[in-house]
Amino acid sequence: MNWLAMFNSEIWLQPVS
């Protein structure tokens, strides 16, 4: 599931305070 990696990447890269 490559889409999962991209999806998680966006969330992880962005500052989720």
PDB file of N, CA and C in Angstrom:
ATOM      1  N   MET A   1       0.853  -1.206   0.000  1.00  0.00           N
ATOM      2  CA  MET A   1       0.000   0.000   0.000  1.00  0.00           C
ATOM      3  C   MET A   1       0.884   1.249   0.000  1.00  0.00           C
ATOM      4  N   ASN A   2       1.261   1.690  -1.183  1.00  0.00           N
ATOM      5  CA  ASN A   2       2.134   2.865  -1.271  1.00  0.00           C
ATOM      6  C   ASN A   2       1.388   4.140  -0.897  1.00  0.00           C
ATOM      7  N   TRP A   3       0.092   4.152  -1.172  1.00  0.00           N
ATOM      8  CA  TRP A   3      -0.694   5.363  -0.877  1.00  0.00           C
ATOM      9  C   TRP A   3      -0.647   5.662   0.618  1.00  0.00           C
ATOM     10  N   LEU A   4      -0.569   4.625   1.417  1.00  0.00           N
ATOM     11  CA  LEU A   4      -0.508   4.819   2.874  1.00  0.00           C
ATOM     12  C   LEU A   4       0.743   5.597   3.253  1.00  0.00           C
ATOM     13  N   ALA A   5       1.852   5.236   2.619  1.00  0.00           N
ATOM     14  CA  ALA A   5       3.120   5.908   2.916  1.00  0.00           C
ATOM     15  C   ALA A   5       3.006   7.401   2.606  1.00  0.00           C
ATOM     16  N   MET A   6       2.457   7.713   1.443  1.00  0.00           N
ATOM     17  CA  MET A   6       2.310   9.127   1.049  1.00  0.00           C
ATOM     18  C   MET A   6       1.344   9.841   1.992  1.00  0.00           C
ATOM     19  N   PHE A   7       0.238   9.179   2.309  1.00  0.00           N
ATOM     20  CA  PHE A   7      -0.759   9.776   3.200  1.00  0.00           C
ATOM     21  C   PHE A   7      -0.142  10.081   4.563  1.00  0.00           C
ATOM     22  N   ASN A   8       0.535   9.107   5.128  1.00  0.00           N
ATOM     23  CA  ASN A   8       1.172   9.296   6.433  1.00  0.00           C
ATOM     24  C   ASN A   8       2.275  10.336   6.346  1.00  0.00           C
ATOM     25  N   SER A   9       3.002  10.315   5.240  1.00  0.00           N
ATOM     26  CA  SER A   9       4.114  11.254   5.061  1.00  0.00           C
ATOM     27  C   SER A   9       3.610  12.686   5.169  1.00  0.00           C
ATOM     28  N   GLU A  10       2.500  12.965   4.506  1.00  0.00           N
ATOM     29  CA  GLU A  10       1.959  14.335   4.534  1.00  0.00           C
ATOM     30  C   GLU A  10       1.627  14.748   5.961  1.00  0.00           C
ATOM     31  N   ILE A  11       1.026  13.840   6.708  1.00  0.00           N
ATOM     32  CA  ILE A  11       0.643  14.147   8.087  1.00  0.00           C
ATOM     33  C   ILE A  11       1.877  14.305   8.967  1.00  0.00           C
ATOM     34  N   TRP A  12       2.830  13.378   8.800  1.00  0.00           N
ATOM     35  CA  TRP A  12       4.038  13.408   9.629  1.00  0.00           C
ATOM     36  C   TRP A  12       4.892  14.636   9.310  1.00  0.00           C
ATOM     37  N   LEU A  13       4.962  14.969   8.016  1.00  0.00           N
ATOM     38  CA  LEU A  13       5.780  16.118   7.619  1.00  0.00           C
ATOM     39  C   LEU A  13       5.187  17.418   8.151  1.00  0.00           C
ATOM     40  N   GLN A  14       3.859  17.486   8.129  1.00  0.00           N
ATOM     41  CA  GLN A  14       3.216  18.717   8.594  1.00  0.00           C
ATOM     42  C   GLN A  14       3.248  18.781  10.126  1.00  0.00           C
ATOM     43  N   PRO A  15       3.375  19.977  10.678  1.00  0.00           N
ATOM     44  CA  PRO A  15       3.423  20.167  12.131  1.00  0.00           C
ATOM     45  C   PRO A  15       2.055  19.959  12.772  1.00  0.00           C
ATOM     46  N   VAL A  16       1.863  18.794  13.348  1.00  0.00           N
ATOM     47  CA  VAL A  16       0.576  18.509  14.002  1.00  0.00           C
ATOM     48  C   VAL A  16       0.721  18.763  15.495  1.00  0.00           C
ATOM     49  N   SER A  17       0.378  19.945  15.915  1.00  0.00           N
ATOM     50  CA  SER A  17       0.506  20.297  17.323  1.00  0.00           C
ATOM     51  C   SER A  17      -0.663  19.726  18.114  1.00  0.00           C
TER      52      SER A  17
END
